[in-house]
Amino acid sequence: MLRHEFQPGKLVAGVVLTAAGVLYAGDAAGAWQTPWFAAIPLVVGGLCLAGAAAMVNRGIRRRRGRPGRRGAGGAWADGTG
């Protein structure tokens, strides 16, 4: 049983922001040198990709219909009543 809907836009945004954090954490620890402007294209590109993933997800969910709506036979989509 799913506890919540899968939202790929939030997943992509989380991964990209985590990567930006790891990038600067490695710089702060002295593992490598990171230019100050390196996170800007990473975050902006990642947020654009997350927005695109969210729009595709919304389009797919709208096309399939929402769970809980009555089907053609008058029964709920989840099989009850």
PDB file of N, CA and C in Angstrom:
ATOM      1  N   MET A   1       0.839  -1.168   0.000  1.00  0.00           N
ATOM      2  CA  MET A   1       0.000   0.000   0.000  1.00  0.00           C
ATOM      3  C   MET A   1       0.892   1.243   0.000  1.00  0.00           C
ATOM      4  N   LEU A   2       0.611   2.150  -0.930  1.00  0.00           N
ATOM      5  CA  LEU A   2       1.385   3.379  -1.008  1.00  0.00           C
ATOM      6  C   LEU A   2       0.933   4.365   0.059  1.00  0.00           C
ATOM      7  N   ARG A   3       1.870   5.010   0.686  1.00  0.00           N
ATOM      8  CA  ARG A   3       1.532   6.009   1.699  1.00  0.00           C
ATOM      9  C   ARG A   3       1.334   7.383   1.083  1.00  0.00           C
ATOM     10  N   HIS A   4       1.961   7.615  -0.060  1.00  0.00           N
ATOM     11  CA  HIS A   4       1.812   8.902  -0.751  1.00  0.00           C
ATOM     12  C   HIS A   4       2.141   8.696  -2.219  1.00  0.00           C
ATOM     13  N   GLU A   5       1.818   9.694  -3.010  1.00  0.00           N
ATOM     14  CA  GLU A   5       2.116   9.625  -4.432  1.00  0.00           C
ATOM     15  C   GLU A   5       3.608   9.814  -4.667  1.00  0.00           C
ATOM     16  N   PHE A   6       4.089   9.153  -5.694  1.00  0.00           N
ATOM     17  CA  PHE A   6       5.469   9.364  -6.129  1.00  0.00           C
ATOM     18  C   PHE A   6       5.522  10.675  -6.899  1.00  0.00           C
ATOM     19  N   GLN A   7       6.429  11.558  -6.498  1.00  0.00           N
ATOM     20  CA  GLN A   7       6.562  12.858  -7.145  1.00  0.00           C
ATOM     21  C   GLN A   7       8.001  13.008  -7.654  1.00  0.00           C
ATOM     22  N   PRO A   8       8.203  12.705  -8.946  1.00  0.00           N
ATOM     23  CA  PRO A   8       9.571  12.724  -9.471  1.00  0.00           C
ATOM     24  C   PRO A   8      10.201  14.114  -9.496  1.00  0.00           C
ATOM     25  N   GLY A   9       9.403  15.170  -9.590  1.00  0.00           N
ATOM     26  CA  GLY A   9       9.964  16.521  -9.567  1.00  0.00           C
ATOM     27  C   GLY A   9      10.663  16.828  -8.252  1.00  0.00           C
ATOM     28  N   LYS A  10      10.046  16.434  -7.169  1.00  0.00           N
ATOM     29  CA  LYS A  10      10.666  16.649  -5.855  1.00  0.00           C
ATOM     30  C   LYS A  10      11.900  15.778  -5.675  1.00  0.00           C
ATOM     31  N   LEU A  11      11.867  14.584  -6.237  1.00  0.00           N
ATOM     32  CA  LEU A  11      13.034  13.705  -6.168  1.00  0.00           C
ATOM     33  C   LEU A  11      14.218  14.316  -6.901  1.00  0.00           C
ATOM     34  N   VAL A  12      13.999  14.803  -8.113  1.00  0.00           N
ATOM     35  CA  VAL A  12      15.075  15.417  -8.899  1.00  0.00           C
ATOM     36  C   VAL A  12      15.605  16.658  -8.190  1.00  0.00           C
ATOM     37  N   ALA A  13      14.718  17.494  -7.677  1.00  0.00           N
ATOM     38  CA  ALA A  13      15.154  18.704  -6.964  1.00  0.00           C
ATOM     39  C   ALA A  13      15.977  18.345  -5.729  1.00  0.00           C
ATOM     40  N   GLY A  14      15.547  17.342  -5.008  1.00  0.00           N
ATOM     41  CA  GLY A  14      16.286  16.921  -3.820  1.00  0.00           C
ATOM     42  C   GLY A  14      17.672  16.384  -4.140  1.00  0.00           C
ATOM     43  N   VAL A  15      17.773  15.600  -5.202  1.00  0.00           N
ATOM     44  CA  VAL A  15      19.067  15.039  -5.598  1.00  0.00           C
ATOM     45  C   VAL A  15      20.018  16.147  -6.043  1.00  0.00           C
ATOM     46  N   VAL A  16      19.509  17.094  -6.812  1.00  0.00           N
ATOM     47  CA  VAL A  16      20.363  18.180  -7.307  1.00  0.00           C
ATOM     48  C   VAL A  16      20.827  19.074  -6.159  1.00  0.00           C
ATOM     49  N   LEU A  17      19.935  19.420  -5.258  1.00  0.00           N
ATOM     50  CA  LEU A  17      20.340  20.271  -4.135  1.00  0.00           C
ATOM     51  C   LEU A  17      21.284  19.534  -3.185  1.00  0.00           C
ATOM     52  N   THR A  18      21.096  18.227  -3.037  1.00  0.00           N
ATOM     53  CA  THR A  18      22.030  17.433  -2.233  1.00  0.00           C
ATOM     54  C   THR A  18      23.407  17.399  -2.891  1.00  0.00           C
ATOM     55  N   ALA A  19      23.427  17.258  -4.214  1.00  0.00           N
ATOM     56  CA  ALA A  19      24.700  17.266  -4.937  1.00  0.00           C
ATOM     57  C   ALA A  19      25.415  18.606  -4.775  1.00  0.00           C
ATOM     58  N   ALA A  20      24.668  19.706  -4.827  1.00  0.00           N
ATOM     59  CA  ALA A  20      25.279  21.022  -4.614  1.00  0.00           C
ATOM     60  C   ALA A  20      25.837  21.135  -3.198  1.00  0.00           C
ATOM     61  N   GLY A  21      25.122  20.603  -2.234  1.00  0.00           N
ATOM     62  CA  GLY A  21      25.611  20.613  -0.855  1.00  0.00           C
ATOM     63  C   GLY A  21      26.870  19.783  -0.684  1.00  0.00           C
ATOM     64  N   VAL A  22      26.916  18.615  -1.311  1.00  0.00           N
ATOM     65  CA  VAL A  22      28.107  17.757  -1.243  1.00  0.00           C
ATOM     66  C   VAL A  22      29.283  18.435  -1.931  1.00  0.00           C
ATOM     67  N   LEU A  23      29.003  19.119  -3.031  1.00  0.00           N
ATOM     68  CA  LEU A  23      30.053  19.834  -3.760  1.00  0.00           C
ATOM     69  C   LEU A  23      30.727  20.868  -2.860  1.00  0.00           C
ATOM     70  N   TYR A  24      29.937  21.662  -2.174  1.00  0.00           N
ATOM     71  CA  TYR A  24      30.513  22.680  -1.297  1.00  0.00           C
ATOM     72  C   TYR A  24      31.033  22.102   0.023  1.00  0.00           C
ATOM     73  N   ALA A  25      30.471  20.998   0.485  1.00  0.00           N
ATOM     74  CA  ALA A  25      31.008  20.359   1.689  1.00  0.00           C
ATOM     75  C   ALA A  25      32.406  19.797   1.410  1.00  0.00           C
ATOM     76  N   GLY A  26      32.594  19.225   0.227  1.00  0.00           N
ATOM     77  CA  GLY A  26      33.928  18.738  -0.146  1.00  0.00           C
ATOM     78  C   GLY A  26      34.927  19.866  -0.258  1.00  0.00           C
ATOM     79  N   ASP A  27      34.478  21.001  -0.740  1.00  0.00           N
ATOM     80  CA  ASP A  27      35.351  22.171  -0.821  1.00  0.00           C
ATOM     81  C   ASP A  27      35.701  22.673   0.579  1.00  0.00           C
ATOM     82  N   ALA A  28      34.715  22.700   1.457  1.00  0.00           N
ATOM     83  CA  ALA A  28      34.963  23.179   2.820  1.00  0.00           C
ATOM     84  C   ALA A  28      35.893  22.240   3.585  1.00  0.00           C
ATOM     85  N   ALA A  29      35.822  20.945   3.296  1.00  0.00           N
ATOM     86  CA  ALA A  29      36.679  19.984   3.978  1.00  0.00           C
ATOM     87  C   ALA A  29      38.080  19.939   3.383  1.00  0.00           C
ATOM     88  N   GLY A  30      38.270  20.584   2.225  1.00  0.00           N
ATOM     89  CA  GLY A  30      39.585  20.603   1.602  1.00  0.00           C
ATOM     90  C   GLY A  30      39.838  19.427   0.675  1.00  0.00           C
ATOM     91  N   ALA A  31      38.805  18.665   0.351  1.00  0.00           N
ATOM     92  CA  ALA A  31      38.978  17.518  -0.530  1.00  0.00           C
ATOM     93  C   ALA A  31      39.234  17.956  -1.973  1.00  0.00           C
ATOM     94  N   TRP A  32      38.648  19.060  -2.391  1.00  0.00           N
ATOM     95  CA  TRP A  32      38.834  19.611  -3.735  1.00  0.00           C
ATOM     96  C   TRP A  32      38.513  21.087  -3.719  1.00  0.00           C
ATOM     97  N   GLN A  33      38.836  21.754  -4.803  1.00  0.00           N
ATOM     98  CA  GLN A  33      38.554  23.176  -4.946  1.00  0.00           C
ATOM     99  C   GLN A  33      37.323  23.354  -5.841  1.00  0.00           C
ATOM    100  N   THR A  34      36.351  24.109  -5.356  1.00  0.00           N
ATOM    101  CA  THR A  34      35.140  24.377  -6.115  1.00  0.00           C
ATOM    102  C   THR A  34      35.025  25.887  -6.322  1.00  0.00           C
ATOM    103  N   PRO A  35      34.864  26.337  -7.573  1.00  0.00           N
ATOM    104  CA  PRO A  35      34.664  27.773  -7.792  1.00  0.00           C
ATOM    105  C   PRO A  35      33.355  28.229  -7.139  1.00  0.00           C
ATOM    106  N   TRP A  36      33.290  29.476  -6.742  1.00  0.00           N
ATOM    107  CA  TRP A  36      32.103  29.973  -6.027  1.00  0.00           C
ATOM    108  C   TRP A  36      30.862  29.932  -6.896  1.00  0.00           C
ATOM    109  N   PHE A  37      31.010  30.017  -8.203  1.00  0.00           N
ATOM    110  CA  PHE A  37      29.863  30.080  -9.102  1.00  0.00           C
ATOM    111  C   PHE A  37      29.430  28.704  -9.611  1.00  0.00           C
ATOM    112  N   ALA A  38      30.029  27.632  -9.163  1.00  0.00           N
ATOM    113  CA  ALA A  38      29.741  26.301  -9.707  1.00  0.00           C
ATOM    114  C   ALA A  38      28.326  25.821  -9.390  1.00  0.00           C
ATOM    115  N   ALA A  39      27.781  26.240  -8.277  1.00  0.00           N
ATOM    116  CA  ALA A  39      26.464  25.745  -7.878  1.00  0.00           C
ATOM    117  C   ALA A  39      25.336  26.411  -8.666  1.00  0.00           C
ATOM    118  N   ILE A  40      25.570  27.580  -9.231  1.00  0.00           N
ATOM    119  CA  ILE A  40      24.497  28.292  -9.930  1.00  0.00           C
ATOM    120  C   ILE A  40      23.959  27.501 -11.117  1.00  0.00           C
ATOM    121  N   PRO A  41      24.801  27.061 -12.066  1.00  0.00           N
ATOM    122  CA  PRO A  41      24.240  26.275 -13.172  1.00  0.00           C
ATOM    123  C   PRO A  41      23.707  24.930 -12.719  1.00  0.00           C
ATOM    124  N   LEU A  42      24.326  24.343 -11.703  1.00  0.00           N
ATOM    125  CA  LEU A  42      23.853  23.057 -11.192  1.00  0.00           C
ATOM    126  C   LEU A  42      22.443  23.187 -10.613  1.00  0.00           C
ATOM    127  N   VAL A  43      22.219  24.175  -9.777  1.00  0.00           N
ATOM    128  CA  VAL A  43      20.915  24.354  -9.135  1.00  0.00           C
ATOM    129  C   VAL A  43      19.859  24.818 -10.140  1.00  0.00           C
ATOM    130  N   VAL A  44      20.201  25.782 -10.983  1.00  0.00           N
ATOM    131  CA  VAL A  44      19.224  26.278 -11.966  1.00  0.00           C
ATOM    132  C   VAL A  44      18.841  25.176 -12.949  1.00  0.00           C
ATOM    133  N   GLY A  45      19.817  24.466 -13.465  1.00  0.00           N
ATOM    134  CA  GLY A  45      19.535  23.364 -14.378  1.00  0.00           C
ATOM    135  C   GLY A  45      18.735  22.260 -13.708  1.00  0.00           C
ATOM    136  N   GLY A  46      19.076  21.958 -12.466  1.00  0.00           N
ATOM    137  CA  GLY A  46      18.346  20.923 -11.738  1.00  0.00           C
ATOM    138  C   GLY A  46      16.908  21.307 -11.447  1.00  0.00           C
ATOM    139  N   LEU A  47      16.684  22.574 -11.109  1.00  0.00           N
ATOM    140  CA  LEU A  47      15.317  23.014 -10.858  1.00  0.00           C
ATOM    141  C   LEU A  47      14.486  23.041 -12.132  1.00  0.00           C
ATOM    142  N   CYS A  48      15.118  23.393 -13.255  1.00  0.00           N
ATOM    143  CA  CYS A  48      14.400  23.327 -14.545  1.00  0.00           C
ATOM    144  C   CYS A  48      14.056  21.879 -14.890  1.00  0.00           C
ATOM    145  N   LEU A  49      14.988  20.969 -14.660  1.00  0.00           N
ATOM    146  CA  LEU A  49      14.732  19.554 -14.907  1.00  0.00           C
ATOM    147  C   LEU A  49      13.649  19.025 -13.971  1.00  0.00           C
ATOM    148  N   ALA A  50      13.646  19.469 -12.722  1.00  0.00           N
ATOM    149  CA  ALA A  50      12.611  19.054 -11.776  1.00  0.00           C
ATOM    150  C   ALA A  50      11.247  19.580 -12.194  1.00  0.00           C
ATOM    151  N   GLY A  51      11.204  20.807 -12.685  1.00  0.00           N
ATOM    152  CA  GLY A  51       9.941  21.362 -13.168  1.00  0.00           C
ATOM    153  C   GLY A  51       9.416  20.594 -14.368  1.00  0.00           C
ATOM    154  N   ALA A  52      10.314  20.220 -15.271  1.00  0.00           N
ATOM    155  CA  ALA A  52       9.897  19.434 -16.444  1.00  0.00           C
ATOM    156  C   ALA A  52       9.386  18.061 -16.014  1.00  0.00           C
ATOM    157  N   ALA A  53      10.060  17.434 -15.061  1.00  0.00           N
ATOM    158  CA  ALA A  53       9.611  16.126 -14.571  1.00  0.00           C
ATOM    159  C   ALA A  53       8.255  16.238 -13.891  1.00  0.00           C
ATOM    160  N   ALA A  54       8.030  17.310 -13.158  1.00  0.00           N
ATOM    161  CA  ALA A  54       6.740  17.501 -12.493  1.00  0.00           C
ATOM    162  C   ALA A  54       5.623  17.737 -13.510  1.00  0.00           C
ATOM    163  N   MET A  55       5.915  18.479 -14.576  1.00  0.00           N
ATOM    164  CA  MET A  55       4.894  18.710 -15.595  1.00  0.00           C
ATOM    165  C   MET A  55       4.560  17.428 -16.351  1.00  0.00           C
ATOM    166  N   VAL A  56       5.563  16.616 -16.647  1.00  0.00           N
ATOM    167  CA  VAL A  56       5.300  15.335 -17.308  1.00  0.00           C
ATOM    168  C   VAL A  56       4.485  14.436 -16.388  1.00  0.00           C
ATOM    169  N   ASN A  57       4.837  14.419 -15.117  1.00  0.00           N
ATOM    170  CA  ASN A  57       4.091  13.608 -14.145  1.00  0.00           C
ATOM    171  C   ASN A  57       2.640  14.066 -14.055  1.00  0.00           C
ATOM    172  N   ARG A  58       2.418  15.368 -14.028  1.00  0.00           N
ATOM    173  CA  ARG A  58       1.051  15.894 -13.963  1.00  0.00           C
ATOM    174  C   ARG A  58       0.257  15.543 -15.220  1.00  0.00           C
ATOM    175  N   GLY A  59       0.908  15.647 -16.367  1.00  0.00           N
ATOM    176  CA  GLY A  59       0.248  15.291 -17.608  1.00  0.00           C
ATOM    177  C   GLY A  59      -0.154  13.827 -17.658  1.00  0.00           C
ATOM    178  N   ILE A  60       0.715  12.962 -17.175  1.00  0.00           N
ATOM    179  CA  ILE A  60       0.401  11.528 -17.143  1.00  0.00           C
ATOM    180  C   ILE A  60      -0.741  11.257 -16.180  1.00  0.00           C
ATOM    181  N   ARG A  61      -0.700  11.872 -15.015  1.00  0.00           N
ATOM    182  CA  ARG A  61      -1.764  11.634 -14.027  1.00  0.00           C
ATOM    183  C   ARG A  61      -3.101  12.201 -14.491  1.00  0.00           C
ATOM    184  N   ARG A  62      -3.101  13.322 -15.181  1.00  0.00           N
ATOM    185  CA  ARG A  62      -4.363  13.887 -15.689  1.00  0.00           C
ATOM    186  C   ARG A  62      -4.941  13.004 -16.780  1.00  0.00           C
ATOM    187  N   ARG A  63      -4.070  12.443 -17.607  1.00  0.00           N
ATOM    188  CA  ARG A  63      -4.538  11.609 -18.704  1.00  0.00           C
ATOM    189  C   ARG A  63      -5.125  10.290 -18.184  1.00  0.00           C
ATOM    190  N   ARG A  64      -4.533   9.734 -17.148  1.00  0.00           N
ATOM    191  CA  ARG A  64      -5.018   8.473 -16.585  1.00  0.00           C
ATOM    192  C   ARG A  64      -6.287   8.647 -15.765  1.00  0.00           C
ATOM    193  N   GLY A  65      -6.520   9.815 -15.262  1.00  0.00           N
ATOM    194  CA  GLY A  65      -7.658  10.054 -14.377  1.00  0.00           C
ATOM    195  C   GLY A  65      -7.219   9.947 -12.931  1.00  0.00           C
ATOM    196  N   ARG A  66      -7.999  10.510 -12.082  1.00  0.00           N
ATOM    197  CA  ARG A  66      -7.648  10.509 -10.661  1.00  0.00           C
ATOM    198  C   ARG A  66      -8.253   9.308  -9.963  1.00  0.00           C
ATOM    199  N   PRO A  67      -7.535   8.702  -9.024  1.00  0.00           N
ATOM    200  CA  PRO A  67      -8.124   7.612  -8.263  1.00  0.00           C
ATOM    201  C   PRO A  67      -9.248   8.145  -7.379  1.00  0.00           C
ATOM    202  N   GLY A  68     -10.269   7.362  -7.224  1.00  0.00           N
ATOM    203  CA  GLY A  68     -11.387   7.783  -6.398  1.00  0.00           C
ATOM    204  C   GLY A  68     -12.544   8.309  -7.219  1.00  0.00           C
ATOM    205  N   ARG A  69     -12.365   8.497  -8.508  1.00  0.00           N
ATOM    206  CA  ARG A  69     -13.469   8.943  -9.362  1.00  0.00           C
ATOM    207  C   ARG A  69     -14.315   7.738  -9.749  1.00  0.00           C
ATOM    208  N   ARG A  70     -15.557   7.999  -9.987  1.00  0.00           N
ATOM    209  CA  ARG A  70     -16.438   6.914 -10.391  1.00  0.00           C
ATOM    210  C   ARG A  70     -16.152   6.524 -11.835  1.00  0.00           C
ATOM    211  N   GLY A  71     -16.097   5.224 -12.064  1.00  0.00           N
ATOM    212  CA  GLY A  71     -15.872   4.717 -13.408  1.00  0.00           C
ATOM    213  C   GLY A  71     -17.173   4.632 -14.188  1.00  0.00           C
ATOM    214  N   ALA A  72     -17.112   3.963 -15.330  1.00  0.00           N
ATOM    215  CA  ALA A  72     -18.274   3.873 -16.215  1.00  0.00           C
ATOM    216  C   ALA A  72     -19.396   3.028 -15.589  1.00  0.00           C
ATOM    217  N   GLY A  73     -19.050   2.064 -14.757  1.00  0.00           N
ATOM    218  CA  GLY A  73     -20.051   1.192 -14.147  1.00  0.00           C
ATOM    219  C   GLY A  73     -20.644   1.754 -12.866  1.00  0.00           C
ATOM    220  N   GLY A  74     -20.251   2.935 -12.460  1.00  0.00           N
ATOM    221  CA  GLY A  74     -20.773   3.549 -11.252  1.00  0.00           C
ATOM    222  C   GLY A  74     -20.025   3.177  -9.982  1.00  0.00           C
ATOM    223  N   ALA A  75     -19.042   2.272 -10.094  1.00  0.00           N
ATOM    224  CA  ALA A  75     -18.252   1.889  -8.919  1.00  0.00           C
ATOM    225  C   ALA A  75     -17.048   2.818  -8.799  1.00  0.00           C
ATOM    226  N   TRP A  76     -16.520   2.943  -7.607  1.00  0.00           N
ATOM    227  CA  TRP A  76     -15.330   3.740  -7.390  1.00  0.00           C
ATOM    228  C   TRP A  76     -14.148   3.038  -8.013  1.00  0.00           C
ATOM    229  N   ALA A  77     -13.129   3.795  -8.351  1.00  0.00           N
ATOM    230  CA  ALA A  77     -11.951   3.250  -9.012  1.00  0.00           C
ATOM    231  C   ALA A  77     -11.211   2.249  -8.130  1.00  0.00           C
ATOM    232  N   ASP A  78     -11.322   2.401  -6.805  1.00  0.00           N
ATOM    233  CA  ASP A  78     -10.610   1.483  -5.931  1.00  0.00           C
ATOM    234  C   ASP A  78     -11.397   0.196  -5.660  1.00  0.00           C
ATOM    235  N   GLY A  79     -12.556   0.027  -6.303  1.00  0.00           N
ATOM    236  CA  GLY A  79     -13.307  -1.219  -6.200  1.00  0.00           C
ATOM    237  C   GLY A  79     -14.391  -1.229  -5.134  1.00  0.00           C
ATOM    238  N   THR A  80     -14.516  -0.169  -4.348  1.00  0.00           N
ATOM    239  CA  THR A  80     -15.537  -0.127  -3.310  1.00  0.00           C
ATOM    240  C   THR A  80     -16.823   0.425  -3.869  1.00  0.00           C
ATOM    241  N   GLY A  81     -17.942   0.064  -3.257  1.00  0.00           N
ATOM    242  CA  GLY A  81     -19.271   0.591  -3.488  1.00  0.00           C
ATOM    243  C   GLY A  81     -19.647   0.880  -4.831  1.00  0.00           C
TER     244      GLY A  81
END
